[in-house]
Amino acid sequence: MAVKPDWLRVKAPQWERVGNVKEILRDLSLNTVCEEASCPNIGECFNAGTATFLIMGPACTRACPYCDIDFEKKPQPLDPTEPTRLAEAVRRLRLNHVVITSVNRDDLPDGGASQFVSCIEAIRAISPDTTIEVLIPDLCGNWDALAGILQARPEVLNHNTETVPSLYRRVRPQGNYERSLEVLRRSRDLAPSVYTKSGIMVGLGETDAEIRQTIQDLRDVDCDILTIGQYLQPSQKHLQVKDFVTPAQFDAWREFGESIGLLQVVASPLTRSSYHAEQVRELMKRYPR
């Protein structure tokens, strides 16, 4: 088993600020991917008063062996009050930018797309200046459902590729690499003004050449923003880390991605899908649509 290096040390958070965010989330009965997926940046993000909201959860209909979110074949029905409660949290936390993600809900005909739409609409009504990023599942290839989300006009449509094609069977057994690329390609075609984004994790046995090809594949579907981070094993029952990637290697991938036309590549050992996501507001000023 690979030994965790020094560059993966995380600063201890200021628990008073963290506790305040958690208090608001508990008061409104909301889930965050920060907590459910054991994100290493939870202290930094909560201290900044930000959070990535996890809707339709906390149980997922897929059991990906890298993920710390609970699996449940038949999760609870959707809560119609969730969008209103989420919008109230955005107001209380005074968020300039909000990220909304979800578990996979393969039990629903539209994969939960309508709940994303309701959340976007609720936030627009109570906090119209807040920019919105949705980090969506693949919706089982339901392109009408994808179109519905894009019609609600989030500023950013994020869908994670997660890993390289050769590892999909082991890492994402219910996913499909080409389908994930198609989510991003269709998003660009359906809503050219919406910025597209994806994320991949490394340290599961992929090669440098495979990562570069995946970055190229994402650029080929006109993806705008990419995050690359180190996979960390949540528990002994999850996939083991094959290797810990050096910061220099992350820098090389960032430089490669930006050299082929990606607007922004955020790459570091502790980078996660929504890490410093609020920076998109500055990117939108530099590259207006």
C-alpha atoms as a PDB file:
ATOM      1  CA  MET A   1       0.000   0.000   0.000  1.00  0.00           C
ATOM      2  CA  ALA A   2       1.282   3.460  -0.925  1.00  0.00           C
ATOM      3  CA  VAL A   3       2.327   5.690   1.983  1.00  0.00           C
ATOM      4  CA  LYS A   4       0.642   9.101   2.159  1.00  0.00           C
ATOM      5  CA  PRO A   5       3.224  11.836   1.470  1.00  0.00           C
ATOM      6  CA  ASP A   6       3.716  15.146   3.267  1.00  0.00           C
ATOM      7  CA  TRP A   7       2.073  17.215   0.525  1.00  0.00           C
ATOM      8  CA  LEU A   8      -1.319  15.718   1.424  1.00  0.00           C
ATOM      9  CA  ARG A   9      -1.398  17.259   4.877  1.00  0.00           C
ATOM     10  CA  VAL A  10      -4.478  19.429   5.493  1.00  0.00           C
ATOM     11  CA  LYS A  11      -4.490  22.428   7.829  1.00  0.00           C
ATOM     12  CA  ALA A  12      -6.697  22.106  10.886  1.00  0.00           C
ATOM     13  CA  PRO A  13      -9.914  24.123  10.377  1.00  0.00           C
ATOM     14  CA  GLN A  14     -11.290  26.838  12.615  1.00  0.00           C
ATOM     15  CA  TRP A  15     -14.101  24.834  14.121  1.00  0.00           C
ATOM     16  CA  GLU A  16     -16.155  27.836  15.208  1.00  0.00           C
ATOM     17  CA  ARG A  17     -16.814  28.799  11.559  1.00  0.00           C
ATOM     18  CA  VAL A  18     -17.243  25.164  10.536  1.00  0.00           C
ATOM     19  CA  GLY A  19     -19.767  24.710  13.316  1.00  0.00           C
ATOM     20  CA  ASN A  20     -21.766  27.728  12.145  1.00  0.00           C
ATOM     21  CA  VAL A  21     -22.111  26.326   8.616  1.00  0.00           C
ATOM     22  CA  LYS A  22     -23.016  22.904   9.963  1.00  0.00           C
ATOM     23  CA  GLU A  23     -25.634  24.481  12.222  1.00  0.00           C
ATOM     24  CA  ILE A  24     -27.347  26.109   9.238  1.00  0.00           C
ATOM     25  CA  LEU A  25     -27.226  22.871   7.241  1.00  0.00           C
ATOM     26  CA  ARG A  26     -28.679  20.851  10.122  1.00  0.00           C
ATOM     27  CA  ASP A  27     -31.354  23.473  10.805  1.00  0.00           C
ATOM     28  CA  LEU A  28     -32.513  23.225   7.185  1.00  0.00           C
ATOM     29  CA  SER A  29     -32.034  19.426   6.992  1.00  0.00           C
ATOM     30  CA  LEU A  30     -29.616  19.610   4.071  1.00  0.00           C
ATOM     31  CA  ASN A  31     -26.825  17.286   2.992  1.00  0.00           C
ATOM     32  CA  THR A  32     -23.445  18.308   1.613  1.00  0.00           C
ATOM     33  CA  VAL A  33     -21.084  16.237  -0.484  1.00  0.00           C
ATOM     34  CA  CYS A  34     -18.364  17.757   1.712  1.00  0.00           C
ATOM     35  CA  GLU A  35     -19.547  15.567   4.584  1.00  0.00           C
ATOM     36  CA  GLU A  36     -21.092  12.583   2.799  1.00  0.00           C
ATOM     37  CA  ALA A  37     -18.044  11.967   0.583  1.00  0.00           C
ATOM     38  CA  SER A  38     -15.472  12.753   3.303  1.00  0.00           C
ATOM     39  CA  CYS A  39     -13.866  15.607   1.337  1.00  0.00           C
ATOM     40  CA  PRO A  40     -10.411  16.584   2.671  1.00  0.00           C
ATOM     41  CA  ASN A  41     -11.152  20.282   2.077  1.00  0.00           C
ATOM     42  CA  ILE A  42     -14.224  20.464   4.309  1.00  0.00           C
ATOM     43  CA  GLY A  43     -12.487  22.672   6.865  1.00  0.00           C
ATOM     44  CA  GLU A  44     -11.215  25.187   4.307  1.00  0.00           C
ATOM     45  CA  CYS A  45     -14.524  25.428   2.462  1.00  0.00           C
ATOM     46  CA  PHE A  46     -16.714  25.594   5.570  1.00  0.00           C
ATOM     47  CA  ASN A  47     -14.400  28.229   7.034  1.00  0.00           C
ATOM     48  CA  ALA A  48     -15.008  30.280   3.888  1.00  0.00           C
ATOM     49  CA  GLY A  49     -18.757  29.864   4.338  1.00  0.00           C
ATOM     50  CA  THR A  50     -19.177  27.690   1.255  1.00  0.00           C
ATOM     51  CA  ALA A  51     -20.552  24.217   0.686  1.00  0.00           C
ATOM     52  CA  THR A  52     -21.473  21.892  -2.160  1.00  0.00           C
ATOM     53  CA  PHE A  53     -25.062  20.841  -1.615  1.00  0.00           C
ATOM     54  CA  LEU A  54     -25.991  17.206  -2.161  1.00  0.00           C
ATOM     55  CA  ILE A  55     -29.604  16.891  -3.250  1.00  0.00           C
ATOM     56  CA  MET A  56     -31.814  13.807  -3.551  1.00  0.00           C
ATOM     57  CA  GLY A  57     -29.533  12.049  -1.095  1.00  0.00           C
ATOM     58  CA  PRO A  58     -27.721  10.895   0.889  1.00  0.00           C
ATOM     59  CA  ALA A  59     -28.113   7.384  -0.593  1.00  0.00           C
ATOM     60  CA  CYS A  60     -26.983   6.598  -4.162  1.00  0.00           C
ATOM     61  CA  THR A  61     -28.323   3.947  -6.550  1.00  0.00           C
ATOM     62  CA  ARG A  62     -24.804   3.130  -7.734  1.00  0.00           C
ATOM     63  CA  ALA A  63     -22.114   1.486  -5.628  1.00  0.00           C
ATOM     64  CA  CYS A  64     -18.885   2.844  -7.109  1.00  0.00           C
ATOM     65  CA  PRO A  65     -15.992   1.260  -5.174  1.00  0.00           C
ATOM     66  CA  TYR A  66     -14.108   4.568  -4.801  1.00  0.00           C
ATOM     67  CA  CYS A  67     -16.979   6.596  -3.325  1.00  0.00           C
ATOM     68  CA  ASP A  68     -17.880   7.048   0.345  1.00  0.00           C
ATOM     69  CA  ILE A  69     -21.565   7.873  -0.275  1.00  0.00           C
ATOM     70  CA  ASP A  70     -23.959   5.169   0.909  1.00  0.00           C
ATOM     71  CA  PHE A  71     -25.588   2.794  -1.589  1.00  0.00           C
ATOM     72  CA  GLU A  72     -29.310   2.111  -1.647  1.00  0.00           C
ATOM     73  CA  LYS A  73     -31.137   0.413  -4.499  1.00  0.00           C
ATOM     74  CA  LYS A  74     -34.438   2.191  -3.766  1.00  0.00           C
ATOM     75  CA  PRO A  75     -33.809   5.552  -2.067  1.00  0.00           C
ATOM     76  CA  GLN A  76     -36.512   7.680  -0.497  1.00  0.00           C
ATOM     77  CA  PRO A  77     -38.906   9.666  -2.747  1.00  0.00           C
ATOM     78  CA  LEU A  78     -37.872  13.210  -3.629  1.00  0.00           C
ATOM     79  CA  ASP A  79     -38.692  15.887  -1.069  1.00  0.00           C
ATOM     80  CA  PRO A  80     -40.609  18.768  -2.711  1.00  0.00           C
ATOM     81  CA  THR A  81     -39.443  21.158   0.040  1.00  0.00           C
ATOM     82  CA  GLU A  82     -35.759  20.540  -0.615  1.00  0.00           C
ATOM     83  CA  PRO A  83     -35.318  23.299  -3.263  1.00  0.00           C
ATOM     84  CA  THR A  84     -36.824  25.926  -0.943  1.00  0.00           C
ATOM     85  CA  ARG A  85     -34.640  24.836   1.969  1.00  0.00           C
ATOM     86  CA  LEU A  86     -31.543  24.858  -0.225  1.00  0.00           C
ATOM     87  CA  ALA A  87     -32.314  28.381  -1.461  1.00  0.00           C
ATOM     88  CA  GLU A  88     -32.734  29.546   2.142  1.00  0.00           C
ATOM     89  CA  ALA A  89     -29.287  28.122   2.986  1.00  0.00           C
ATOM     90  CA  VAL A  90     -27.790  30.045   0.058  1.00  0.00           C
ATOM     91  CA  ARG A  91     -29.405  33.209   1.442  1.00  0.00           C
ATOM     92  CA  ARG A  92     -28.240  32.621   5.027  1.00  0.00           C
ATOM     93  CA  LEU A  93     -24.690  31.785   3.952  1.00  0.00           C
ATOM     94  CA  ARG A  94     -24.662  34.768   1.574  1.00  0.00           C
ATOM     95  CA  LEU A  95     -23.132  32.709  -1.200  1.00  0.00           C
ATOM     96  CA  ASN A  96     -21.950  34.416  -4.360  1.00  0.00           C
ATOM     97  CA  HIS A  97     -21.556  31.040  -6.062  1.00  0.00           C
ATOM     98  CA  VAL A  98     -23.276  27.779  -5.209  1.00  0.00           C
ATOM     99  CA  VAL A  99     -22.584  24.222  -6.327  1.00  0.00           C
ATOM    100  CA  ILE A 100     -25.452  21.725  -6.429  1.00  0.00           C
ATOM    101  CA  THR A 101     -24.673  18.073  -6.935  1.00  0.00           C
ATOM    102  CA  SER A 102     -26.580  14.858  -6.362  1.00  0.00           C
ATOM    103  CA  VAL A 103     -26.364  11.171  -5.865  1.00  0.00           C
ATOM    104  CA  ASN A 104     -27.236   9.008  -8.862  1.00  0.00           C
ATOM    105  CA  ARG A 105     -30.984   8.430  -8.928  1.00  0.00           C
ATOM    106  CA  ASP A 106     -31.325   5.722 -11.560  1.00  0.00           C
ATOM    107  CA  ASP A 107     -34.671   4.823  -9.978  1.00  0.00           C
ATOM    108  CA  LEU A 108     -36.223   8.025 -11.369  1.00  0.00           C
ATOM    109  CA  PRO A 109     -37.309   8.320 -15.024  1.00  0.00           C
ATOM    110  CA  ASP A 110     -35.427  11.600 -15.482  1.00  0.00           C
ATOM    111  CA  GLY A 111     -32.546  10.740 -13.149  1.00  0.00           C
ATOM    112  CA  GLY A 112     -33.619  13.593 -10.872  1.00  0.00           C
ATOM    113  CA  ALA A 113     -33.266  16.342 -13.479  1.00  0.00           C
ATOM    114  CA  SER A 114     -36.520  17.991 -12.402  1.00  0.00           C
ATOM    115  CA  GLN A 115     -35.154  18.411  -8.862  1.00  0.00           C
ATOM    116  CA  PHE A 116     -32.098  20.202 -10.229  1.00  0.00           C
ATOM    117  CA  VAL A 117     -34.415  22.533 -12.153  1.00  0.00           C
ATOM    118  CA  SER A 118     -36.504  23.239  -9.053  1.00  0.00           C
ATOM    119  CA  CYS A 119     -33.378  24.037  -7.037  1.00  0.00           C
ATOM    120  CA  ILE A 120     -32.077  26.433  -9.697  1.00  0.00           C
ATOM    121  CA  GLU A 121     -35.432  28.202  -9.872  1.00  0.00           C
ATOM    122  CA  ALA A 122     -35.708  28.481  -6.083  1.00  0.00           C
ATOM    123  CA  ILE A 123     -32.231  30.029  -5.791  1.00  0.00           C
ATOM    124  CA  ARG A 124     -32.913  32.462  -8.633  1.00  0.00           C
ATOM    125  CA  ALA A 125     -36.058  33.636  -6.816  1.00  0.00           C
ATOM    126  CA  ILE A 126     -34.378  34.357  -3.479  1.00  0.00           C
ATOM    127  CA  SER A 127     -30.779  35.161  -4.512  1.00  0.00           C
ATOM    128  CA  PRO A 128     -30.757  36.303  -8.158  1.00  0.00           C
ATOM    129  CA  ASP A 129     -27.114  37.450  -8.153  1.00  0.00           C
ATOM    130  CA  THR A 130     -25.755  34.075  -7.050  1.00  0.00           C
ATOM    131  CA  THR A 131     -24.099  32.115  -9.854  1.00  0.00           C
ATOM    132  CA  ILE A 132     -25.062  28.450  -9.999  1.00  0.00           C
ATOM    133  CA  GLU A 133     -23.014  25.369 -10.869  1.00  0.00           C
ATOM    134  CA  VAL A 134     -24.721  21.997 -11.195  1.00  0.00           C
ATOM    135  CA  LEU A 135     -22.607  18.850 -10.923  1.00  0.00           C
ATOM    136  CA  ILE A 136     -24.882  16.260 -12.465  1.00  0.00           C
ATOM    137  CA  PRO A 137     -24.848  12.474 -12.949  1.00  0.00           C
ATOM    138  CA  ASP A 138     -25.039  11.016 -16.457  1.00  0.00           C
ATOM    139  CA  LEU A 139     -28.862  10.696 -16.200  1.00  0.00           C
ATOM    140  CA  CYS A 140     -28.504   7.268 -17.865  1.00  0.00           C
ATOM    141  CA  GLY A 141     -28.241   9.086 -21.184  1.00  0.00           C
ATOM    142  CA  ASN A 142     -31.659  10.763 -20.949  1.00  0.00           C
ATOM    143  CA  TRP A 143     -30.935  13.727 -23.209  1.00  0.00           C
ATOM    144  CA  ASP A 144     -34.384  15.273 -22.756  1.00  0.00           C
ATOM    145  CA  ALA A 145     -33.666  15.410 -19.019  1.00  0.00           C
ATOM    146  CA  LEU A 146     -30.311  17.060 -19.710  1.00  0.00           C
ATOM    147  CA  ALA A 147     -32.016  19.618 -21.951  1.00  0.00           C
ATOM    148  CA  GLY A 148     -34.433  20.439 -19.127  1.00  0.00           C
ATOM    149  CA  ILE A 149     -31.573  21.248 -16.748  1.00  0.00           C
ATOM    150  CA  LEU A 150     -29.858  23.436 -19.321  1.00  0.00           C
ATOM    151  CA  GLN A 151     -33.080  25.317 -20.054  1.00  0.00           C
ATOM    152  CA  ALA A 152     -32.986  26.473 -16.416  1.00  0.00           C
ATOM    153  CA  ARG A 153     -29.700  28.187 -17.339  1.00  0.00           C
ATOM    154  CA  PRO A 154     -27.152  27.359 -14.662  1.00  0.00           C
ATOM    155  CA  GLU A 155     -23.917  29.232 -15.280  1.00  0.00           C
ATOM    156  CA  VAL A 156     -21.875  26.003 -15.144  1.00  0.00           C
ATOM    157  CA  LEU A 157     -22.778  22.414 -16.130  1.00  0.00           C
ATOM    158  CA  ASN A 158     -20.331  20.010 -14.499  1.00  0.00           C
ATOM    159  CA  HIS A 159     -20.174  16.277 -15.109  1.00  0.00           C
ATOM    160  CA  ASN A 160     -17.210  14.286 -13.870  1.00  0.00           C
ATOM    161  CA  THR A 161     -15.416  11.852 -16.149  1.00  0.00           C
ATOM    162  CA  GLU A 162     -13.718  10.566 -12.960  1.00  0.00           C
ATOM    163  CA  THR A 163     -11.081   8.291 -14.536  1.00  0.00           C
ATOM    164  CA  VAL A 164      -9.518   7.008 -17.747  1.00  0.00           C
ATOM    165  CA  PRO A 165     -11.371   4.549 -20.045  1.00  0.00           C
ATOM    166  CA  SER A 166      -9.222   1.515 -19.163  1.00  0.00           C
ATOM    167  CA  LEU A 167     -10.240   1.774 -15.483  1.00  0.00           C
ATOM    168  CA  TYR A 168     -13.974   2.284 -15.938  1.00  0.00           C
ATOM    169  CA  ARG A 169     -14.954  -1.361 -15.421  1.00  0.00           C
ATOM    170  CA  ARG A 170     -13.141  -1.414 -12.074  1.00  0.00           C
ATOM    171  CA  VAL A 171     -13.744   2.159 -10.885  1.00  0.00           C
ATOM    172  CA  ARG A 172     -17.142   3.062 -12.389  1.00  0.00           C
ATOM    173  CA  PRO A 173     -18.794  -0.287 -13.232  1.00  0.00           C
ATOM    174  CA  GLN A 174     -22.208   1.337 -13.850  1.00  0.00           C
ATOM    175  CA  GLY A 175     -20.766   4.287 -15.735  1.00  0.00           C
ATOM    176  CA  ASN A 176     -19.743   4.694 -19.357  1.00  0.00           C
ATOM    177  CA  TYR A 177     -16.844   6.844 -20.536  1.00  0.00           C
ATOM    178  CA  GLU A 178     -18.351   7.714 -23.923  1.00  0.00           C
ATOM    179  CA  ARG A 179     -21.680   8.583 -22.305  1.00  0.00           C
ATOM    180  CA  SER A 180     -19.946  10.967 -19.907  1.00  0.00           C
ATOM    181  CA  LEU A 181     -18.236  12.704 -22.817  1.00  0.00           C
ATOM    182  CA  GLU A 182     -21.600  12.874 -24.583  1.00  0.00           C
ATOM    183  CA  VAL A 183     -23.154  14.676 -21.600  1.00  0.00           C
ATOM    184  CA  LEU A 184     -20.579  17.425 -22.035  1.00  0.00           C
ATOM    185  CA  ARG A 185     -20.759  17.505 -25.833  1.00  0.00           C
ATOM    186  CA  ARG A 186     -24.547  17.795 -25.850  1.00  0.00           C
ATOM    187  CA  SER A 187     -24.460  20.435 -23.129  1.00  0.00           C
ATOM    188  CA  ARG A 188     -22.269  22.603 -25.322  1.00  0.00           C
ATOM    189  CA  ASP A 189     -24.581  22.077 -28.324  1.00  0.00           C
ATOM    190  CA  LEU A 190     -27.803  22.683 -26.375  1.00  0.00           C
ATOM    191  CA  ALA A 191     -26.630  25.712 -24.381  1.00  0.00           C
ATOM    192  CA  PRO A 192     -23.509  27.371 -25.850  1.00  0.00           C
ATOM    193  CA  SER A 193     -23.578  30.117 -23.205  1.00  0.00           C
ATOM    194  CA  VAL A 194     -23.282  27.649 -20.303  1.00  0.00           C
ATOM    195  CA  TYR A 195     -19.716  26.834 -19.234  1.00  0.00           C
ATOM    196  CA  THR A 196     -18.954  23.101 -19.138  1.00  0.00           C
ATOM    197  CA  LYS A 197     -16.716  21.451 -16.600  1.00  0.00           C
ATOM    198  CA  SER A 198     -15.429  18.002 -15.698  1.00  0.00           C
ATOM    199  CA  GLY A 199     -13.182  16.337 -13.145  1.00  0.00           C
ATOM    200  CA  ILE A 200     -10.874  13.340 -12.929  1.00  0.00           C
ATOM    201  CA  MET A 201      -9.076  11.655 -10.046  1.00  0.00           C
ATOM    202  CA  VAL A 202      -5.646  10.075 -10.261  1.00  0.00           C
ATOM    203  CA  GLY A 203      -3.656   7.518  -8.311  1.00  0.00           C
ATOM    204  CA  LEU A 204      -5.694   4.456  -9.308  1.00  0.00           C
ATOM    205  CA  GLY A 205      -3.147   2.984 -11.722  1.00  0.00           C
ATOM    206  CA  GLU A 206      -3.624   5.175 -14.786  1.00  0.00           C
ATOM    207  CA  THR A 207      -0.642   6.271 -16.869  1.00  0.00           C
ATOM    208  CA  ASP A 208       0.470   9.788 -17.788  1.00  0.00           C
ATOM    209  CA  ALA A 209      -0.393   9.069 -21.416  1.00  0.00           C
ATOM    210  CA  GLU A 210      -3.917   7.992 -20.453  1.00  0.00           C
ATOM    211  CA  ILE A 211      -4.490  11.150 -18.424  1.00  0.00           C
ATOM    212  CA  ARG A 212      -3.282  13.313 -21.293  1.00  0.00           C
ATOM    213  CA  GLN A 213      -5.580  11.494 -23.704  1.00  0.00           C
ATOM    214  CA  THR A 214      -8.530  12.001 -21.348  1.00  0.00           C
ATOM    215  CA  ILE A 215      -7.700  15.709 -21.117  1.00  0.00           C
ATOM    216  CA  GLN A 216      -7.615  15.805 -24.925  1.00  0.00           C
ATOM    217  CA  ASP A 217     -10.939  13.947 -25.140  1.00  0.00           C
ATOM    218  CA  LEU A 218     -12.520  16.541 -22.855  1.00  0.00           C
ATOM    219  CA  ARG A 219     -11.142  19.382 -24.941  1.00  0.00           C
ATOM    220  CA  ASP A 220     -12.456  17.668 -28.084  1.00  0.00           C
ATOM    221  CA  VAL A 221     -16.015  17.961 -26.710  1.00  0.00           C
ATOM    222  CA  ASP A 222     -15.332  21.652 -26.003  1.00  0.00           C
ATOM    223  CA  CYS A 223     -15.107  21.342 -22.214  1.00  0.00           C
ATOM    224  CA  ASP A 224     -14.119  24.646 -20.589  1.00  0.00           C
ATOM    225  CA  ILE A 225     -12.929  23.779 -17.083  1.00  0.00           C
ATOM    226  CA  LEU A 226     -11.186  20.716 -15.646  1.00  0.00           C
ATOM    227  CA  THR A 227     -10.288  19.657 -12.119  1.00  0.00           C
ATOM    228  CA  ILE A 228      -7.699  16.960 -11.390  1.00  0.00           C
ATOM    229  CA  GLY A 229      -7.099  15.619  -7.884  1.00  0.00           C
ATOM    230  CA  GLN A 230      -5.544  12.751  -5.973  1.00  0.00           C
ATOM    231  CA  TYR A 231      -7.803   9.813  -5.119  1.00  0.00           C
ATOM    232  CA  LEU A 232      -7.803   9.074  -1.395  1.00  0.00           C
ATOM    233  CA  GLN A 233      -9.156   5.797  -0.056  1.00  0.00           C
ATOM    234  CA  PRO A 234     -12.133   6.574   2.245  1.00  0.00           C
ATOM    235  CA  SER A 235     -11.955   3.226   4.103  1.00  0.00           C
ATOM    236  CA  GLN A 236     -10.507  -0.260   3.912  1.00  0.00           C
ATOM    237  CA  LYS A 237     -13.523  -1.464   1.892  1.00  0.00           C
ATOM    238  CA  HIS A 238     -12.843   0.991  -0.931  1.00  0.00           C
ATOM    239  CA  LEU A 239     -10.350   0.814  -3.795  1.00  0.00           C
ATOM    240  CA  GLN A 240      -6.747   1.154  -2.687  1.00  0.00           C
ATOM    241  CA  VAL A 241      -4.531   4.005  -3.801  1.00  0.00           C
ATOM    242  CA  LYS A 242      -2.004   2.707  -6.316  1.00  0.00           C
ATOM    243  CA  ASP A 243       0.275   5.737  -6.148  1.00  0.00           C
ATOM    244  CA  PHE A 244       0.461   9.298  -4.869  1.00  0.00           C
ATOM    245  CA  VAL A 245       1.029  11.777  -7.675  1.00  0.00           C
ATOM    246  CA  THR A 246       3.546  14.559  -7.101  1.00  0.00           C
ATOM    247  CA  PRO A 247       2.587  18.253  -7.251  1.00  0.00           C
ATOM    248  CA  ALA A 248       4.971  18.640 -10.207  1.00  0.00           C
ATOM    249  CA  GLN A 249       2.975  16.106 -12.207  1.00  0.00           C
ATOM    250  CA  PHE A 250      -0.252  17.967 -11.466  1.00  0.00           C
ATOM    251  CA  ASP A 251       1.418  21.155 -12.708  1.00  0.00           C
ATOM    252  CA  ALA A 252       2.414  19.393 -15.934  1.00  0.00           C
ATOM    253  CA  TRP A 253      -1.180  18.275 -16.569  1.00  0.00           C
ATOM    254  CA  ARG A 254      -2.459  21.778 -15.842  1.00  0.00           C
ATOM    255  CA  GLU A 255      -0.021  23.264 -18.324  1.00  0.00           C
ATOM    256  CA  PHE A 256      -0.946  20.671 -20.953  1.00  0.00           C
ATOM    257  CA  GLY A 257      -4.684  21.223 -20.535  1.00  0.00           C
ATOM    258  CA  GLU A 258      -4.425  24.980 -20.790  1.00  0.00           C
ATOM    259  CA  SER A 259      -2.046  24.690 -23.774  1.00  0.00           C
ATOM    260  CA  ILE A 260      -4.684  22.831 -25.801  1.00  0.00           C
ATOM    261  CA  GLY A 261      -7.425  25.335 -25.084  1.00  0.00           C
ATOM    262  CA  LEU A 262      -9.125  24.579 -21.771  1.00  0.00           C
ATOM    263  CA  LEU A 263     -10.064  27.878 -20.144  1.00  0.00           C
ATOM    264  CA  GLN A 264      -9.023  26.693 -16.686  1.00  0.00           C
ATOM    265  CA  VAL A 265      -7.381  23.604 -15.214  1.00  0.00           C
ATOM    266  CA  VAL A 266      -7.304  23.299 -11.427  1.00  0.00           C
ATOM    267  CA  ALA A 267      -4.881  20.494 -10.601  1.00  0.00           C
ATOM    268  CA  SER A 268      -3.308  19.606  -7.266  1.00  0.00           C
ATOM    269  CA  PRO A 269      -3.292  16.676  -4.831  1.00  0.00           C
ATOM    270  CA  LEU A 270      -6.219  18.083  -2.798  1.00  0.00           C
ATOM    271  CA  THR A 271      -8.277  19.438  -5.696  1.00  0.00           C
ATOM    272  CA  ARG A 272     -11.866  18.190  -5.814  1.00  0.00           C
ATOM    273  CA  SER A 273     -14.707  18.880  -8.243  1.00  0.00           C
ATOM    274  CA  SER A 274     -15.951  22.002  -6.504  1.00  0.00           C
ATOM    275  CA  TYR A 275     -12.706  23.151  -4.880  1.00  0.00           C
ATOM    276  CA  HIS A 276     -12.519  26.946  -5.292  1.00  0.00           C
ATOM    277  CA  ALA A 277     -15.467  26.698  -7.669  1.00  0.00           C
ATOM    278  CA  GLU A 278     -16.312  30.329  -6.990  1.00  0.00           C
ATOM    279  CA  GLN A 279     -13.327  31.302  -9.152  1.00  0.00           C
ATOM    280  CA  VAL A 280     -15.577  30.720 -12.157  1.00  0.00           C
ATOM    281  CA  ARG A 281     -17.031  34.179 -11.567  1.00  0.00           C
ATOM    282  CA  GLU A 282     -13.688  35.713 -12.526  1.00  0.00           C
ATOM    283  CA  LEU A 283     -13.352  33.311 -15.447  1.00  0.00           C
ATOM    284  CA  MET A 284     -16.752  34.439 -16.733  1.00  0.00           C
ATOM    285  CA  LYS A 285     -15.500  38.017 -16.754  1.00  0.00           C
ATOM    286  CA  ARG A 286     -12.390  37.065 -18.723  1.00  0.00           C
ATOM    287  CA  TYR A 287     -14.252  34.834 -21.175  1.00  0.00           C
ATOM    288  CA  PRO A 288     -17.799  36.220 -21.413  1.00  0.00           C
ATOM    289  CA  ARG A 289     -20.450  34.321 -23.323  1.00  0.00           C
END
